[in-house]
Amino acid sequence: MASVNAVMCQRNCERQPCHGQPVATLTFVYADSTAVLGPLAVKEEPYAYDLCAKHADRLKAPRGWEVIRLLPETQPLHPSEEEIDALADQVRERGRHVANARSMAWPVSSGARYGHLRALPTLKD
């Protein structure tokens, strides 16, 4: 999933009027009457089609054609509630560490200058 997120940019699903985030790339091998649905390509290719999870899951080949799926079942790109809670906990914990580090910094006197830096008094809650 990380590679999918790294690839995402301003690309959209090729199916009209869908504007979903692409998760897979569809290519065709005309000589073998085969449609290949694989992981999202790193960059846009002229004869490849980016599809969102919904359209990738629903893809059907024309009569006489075969679909080869080279990716696991697509997963939604939106984080679950548990992932959001875990991220929020990490942000809170990091904030506590930053606050502790600031409180342990050298004492600041109003208007004191250190080279090109000027120390300001600490605001208390």
C-alpha atoms as a PDB file:
ATOM      1  CA  MET A   1       0.000   0.000   0.000  1.00  0.00           C
ATOM      2  CA  ALA A   2       2.907   2.361   0.633  1.00  0.00           C
ATOM      3  CA  SER A   3       3.983   2.113  -2.985  1.00  0.00           C
ATOM      4  CA  VAL A   4       0.483   3.026  -4.108  1.00  0.00           C
ATOM      5  CA  ASN A   5       0.491   6.099  -1.895  1.00  0.00           C
ATOM      6  CA  ALA A   6       3.908   7.119  -3.190  1.00  0.00           C
ATOM      7  CA  VAL A   7       2.699   6.901  -6.772  1.00  0.00           C
ATOM      8  CA  MET A   8      -0.516   8.811  -6.254  1.00  0.00           C
ATOM      9  CA  CYS A   9      -0.513  12.305  -7.631  1.00  0.00           C
ATOM     10  CA  GLN A  10      -3.042  14.104  -9.810  1.00  0.00           C
ATOM     11  CA  ARG A  11      -4.039  10.974 -11.730  1.00  0.00           C
ATOM     12  CA  ASN A  12      -7.675   9.872 -11.747  1.00  0.00           C
ATOM     13  CA  CYS A  13      -9.575   6.760 -12.716  1.00  0.00           C
ATOM     14  CA  GLU A  14      -9.892   6.517 -16.509  1.00  0.00           C
ATOM     15  CA  ARG A  15     -13.575   5.533 -16.401  1.00  0.00           C
ATOM     16  CA  GLN A  16     -15.855   8.474 -17.082  1.00  0.00           C
ATOM     17  CA  PRO A  17     -17.223  10.302 -15.095  1.00  0.00           C
ATOM     18  CA  CYS A  18     -15.282   8.704 -12.195  1.00  0.00           C
ATOM     19  CA  HIS A  19     -12.632  10.847 -10.530  1.00  0.00           C
ATOM     20  CA  GLY A  20     -11.519   8.231  -7.955  1.00  0.00           C
ATOM     21  CA  GLN A  21      -7.908   7.667  -6.966  1.00  0.00           C
ATOM     22  CA  PRO A  22      -6.327   4.969  -9.154  1.00  0.00           C
ATOM     23  CA  VAL A  23      -5.063   1.779  -7.515  1.00  0.00           C
ATOM     24  CA  ALA A  24      -4.420  -0.425 -10.570  1.00  0.00           C
ATOM     25  CA  THR A  25      -3.273  -0.139 -14.187  1.00  0.00           C
ATOM     26  CA  LEU A  26      -4.972  -1.972 -17.041  1.00  0.00           C
ATOM     27  CA  THR A  27      -3.039  -2.949 -20.173  1.00  0.00           C
ATOM     28  CA  PHE A  28      -3.946  -5.132 -23.143  1.00  0.00           C
ATOM     29  CA  VAL A  29      -2.092  -7.867 -25.013  1.00  0.00           C
ATOM     30  CA  TYR A  30      -4.045  -7.850 -28.268  1.00  0.00           C
ATOM     31  CA  ALA A  31      -2.170 -10.792 -29.802  1.00  0.00           C
ATOM     32  CA  ASP A  32      -3.301 -13.039 -26.908  1.00  0.00           C
ATOM     33  CA  SER A  33      -6.744 -11.414 -26.399  1.00  0.00           C
ATOM     34  CA  THR A  34      -5.740 -10.697 -22.810  1.00  0.00           C
ATOM     35  CA  ALA A  35      -6.375  -7.797 -20.444  1.00  0.00           C
ATOM     36  CA  VAL A  36      -3.788  -7.479 -17.661  1.00  0.00           C
ATOM     37  CA  LEU A  37      -4.757  -5.700 -14.461  1.00  0.00           C
ATOM     38  CA  GLY A  38      -1.680  -4.992 -12.361  1.00  0.00           C
ATOM     39  CA  PRO A  39      -0.398  -2.675  -9.650  1.00  0.00           C
ATOM     40  CA  LEU A  40      -0.580   1.055 -10.323  1.00  0.00           C
ATOM     41  CA  ALA A  41       2.135   2.069 -12.771  1.00  0.00           C
ATOM     42  CA  VAL A  42       4.753   4.485 -11.483  1.00  0.00           C
ATOM     43  CA  LYS A  43       4.046   6.916 -14.309  1.00  0.00           C
ATOM     44  CA  GLU A  44       1.316   7.374 -16.874  1.00  0.00           C
ATOM     45  CA  GLU A  45       1.751   5.316 -20.022  1.00  0.00           C
ATOM     46  CA  PRO A  46       0.001   6.124 -23.314  1.00  0.00           C
ATOM     47  CA  TYR A  47      -1.696   2.714 -23.755  1.00  0.00           C
ATOM     48  CA  ALA A  48      -2.350   1.903 -20.110  1.00  0.00           C
ATOM     49  CA  TYR A  49      -5.453   2.829 -18.146  1.00  0.00           C
ATOM     50  CA  ASP A  50      -5.497   3.685 -14.443  1.00  0.00           C
ATOM     51  CA  LEU A  51      -8.527   2.392 -12.539  1.00  0.00           C
ATOM     52  CA  CYS A  52      -9.912   3.066  -9.069  1.00  0.00           C
ATOM     53  CA  ALA A  53     -10.655   0.179  -6.681  1.00  0.00           C
ATOM     54  CA  LYS A  54     -14.330   0.030  -7.649  1.00  0.00           C
ATOM     55  CA  HIS A  55     -13.688  -0.190 -11.387  1.00  0.00           C
ATOM     56  CA  ALA A  56     -10.730  -2.572 -10.960  1.00  0.00           C
ATOM     57  CA  ASP A  57     -12.919  -4.967  -8.957  1.00  0.00           C
ATOM     58  CA  ARG A  58     -15.740  -4.808 -11.527  1.00  0.00           C
ATOM     59  CA  LEU A  59     -13.532  -5.240 -14.600  1.00  0.00           C
ATOM     60  CA  LYS A  60     -14.821  -7.830 -17.083  1.00  0.00           C
ATOM     61  CA  ALA A  61     -13.197  -8.807 -20.363  1.00  0.00           C
ATOM     62  CA  PRO A  62     -15.028  -8.888 -23.690  1.00  0.00           C
ATOM     63  CA  ARG A  63     -16.228 -12.276 -24.930  1.00  0.00           C
ATOM     64  CA  GLY A  64     -13.243 -14.396 -25.964  1.00  0.00           C
ATOM     65  CA  TRP A  65     -10.796 -12.354 -23.882  1.00  0.00           C
ATOM     66  CA  GLU A  66      -9.118 -13.327 -20.620  1.00  0.00           C
ATOM     67  CA  VAL A  67      -8.400 -11.076 -17.630  1.00  0.00           C
ATOM     68  CA  ILE A  68      -5.173 -11.668 -15.709  1.00  0.00           C
ATOM     69  CA  ARG A  69      -5.144 -10.008 -12.295  1.00  0.00           C
ATOM     70  CA  LEU A  70      -1.645  -9.434 -10.944  1.00  0.00           C
ATOM     71  CA  LEU A  71      -2.660  -7.759  -7.721  1.00  0.00           C
ATOM     72  CA  PRO A  72      -4.409  -8.783  -4.530  1.00  0.00           C
ATOM     73  CA  GLU A  73      -7.939  -7.603  -3.991  1.00  0.00           C
ATOM     74  CA  THR A  74      -7.866  -3.835  -3.951  1.00  0.00           C
ATOM     75  CA  GLN A  75      -8.207  -2.110  -0.629  1.00  0.00           C
ATOM     76  CA  PRO A  76      -9.668   1.327  -0.061  1.00  0.00           C
ATOM     77  CA  LEU A  77      -7.038   4.036   0.213  1.00  0.00           C
ATOM     78  CA  HIS A  78      -8.783   5.699   3.135  1.00  0.00           C
ATOM     79  CA  PRO A  79      -7.362   4.808   6.551  1.00  0.00           C
ATOM     80  CA  SER A  80      -9.550   2.924   9.004  1.00  0.00           C
ATOM     81  CA  GLU A  81     -10.763   4.522  12.215  1.00  0.00           C
ATOM     82  CA  GLU A  82      -8.200   2.452  14.151  1.00  0.00           C
ATOM     83  CA  GLU A  83      -5.363   3.754  11.958  1.00  0.00           C
ATOM     84  CA  ILE A  84      -6.521   7.349  12.479  1.00  0.00           C
ATOM     85  CA  ASP A  85      -6.681   6.822  16.263  1.00  0.00           C
ATOM     86  CA  ALA A  86      -3.183   5.291  16.291  1.00  0.00           C
ATOM     87  CA  LEU A  87      -1.827   8.222  14.288  1.00  0.00           C
ATOM     88  CA  ALA A  88      -3.502  10.722  16.626  1.00  0.00           C
ATOM     89  CA  ASP A  89      -1.923   8.949  19.621  1.00  0.00           C
ATOM     90  CA  GLN A  90       1.515   9.169  18.001  1.00  0.00           C
ATOM     91  CA  VAL A  91       1.051  12.889  17.299  1.00  0.00           C
ATOM     92  CA  ARG A  92      -0.013  13.516  20.911  1.00  0.00           C
ATOM     93  CA  GLU A  93       2.978  11.558  22.234  1.00  0.00           C
ATOM     94  CA  ARG A  94       5.356  13.486  19.967  1.00  0.00           C
ATOM     95  CA  GLY A  95       3.829  16.739  21.191  1.00  0.00           C
ATOM     96  CA  ARG A  96       4.527  15.719  24.785  1.00  0.00           C
ATOM     97  CA  HIS A  97       8.166  14.978  23.940  1.00  0.00           C
ATOM     98  CA  VAL A  98       8.560  18.347  22.199  1.00  0.00           C
ATOM     99  CA  ALA A  99       6.975  20.169  25.158  1.00  0.00           C
ATOM    100  CA  ASN A 100       9.313  18.377  27.584  1.00  0.00           C
ATOM    101  CA  ALA A 101      12.335  19.229  25.437  1.00  0.00           C
ATOM    102  CA  ARG A 102      11.333  22.890  25.374  1.00  0.00           C
ATOM    103  CA  SER A 103      10.936  22.999  29.130  1.00  0.00           C
ATOM    104  CA  MET A 104      14.456  21.525  29.545  1.00  0.00           C
ATOM    105  CA  ALA A 105      16.029  24.118  27.225  1.00  0.00           C
ATOM    106  CA  TRP A 106      18.345  26.751  28.599  1.00  0.00           C
ATOM    107  CA  PRO A 107      16.699  29.473  30.646  1.00  0.00           C
ATOM    108  CA  VAL A 108      15.437  32.334  28.571  1.00  0.00           C
ATOM    109  CA  SER A 109      15.630  35.882  29.726  1.00  0.00           C
ATOM    110  CA  SER A 110      13.606  38.553  28.050  1.00  0.00           C
ATOM    111  CA  GLY A 111      15.534  40.258  25.285  1.00  0.00           C
ATOM    112  CA  ALA A 112      18.664  38.091  25.576  1.00  0.00           C
ATOM    113  CA  ARG A 113      20.531  37.688  22.273  1.00  0.00           C
ATOM    114  CA  TYR A 114      22.556  34.737  21.029  1.00  0.00           C
ATOM    115  CA  GLY A 115      24.389  35.709  17.850  1.00  0.00           C
ATOM    116  CA  HIS A 116      21.735  36.330  15.185  1.00  0.00           C
ATOM    117  CA  LEU A 117      18.986  34.736  17.355  1.00  0.00           C
ATOM    118  CA  ARG A 118      16.892  36.539  19.874  1.00  0.00           C
ATOM    119  CA  ALA A 119      15.417  34.616  22.802  1.00  0.00           C
ATOM    120  CA  LEU A 120      11.869  35.431  23.767  1.00  0.00           C
ATOM    121  CA  PRO A 121      10.254  34.824  27.138  1.00  0.00           C
ATOM    122  CA  THR A 122       8.363  31.549  27.520  1.00  0.00           C
ATOM    123  CA  LEU A 123       4.579  31.772  27.531  1.00  0.00           C
ATOM    124  CA  LYS A 124       2.927  29.968  30.419  1.00  0.00           C
ATOM    125  CA  ASP A 125      -0.501  28.381  30.141  1.00  0.00           C
END
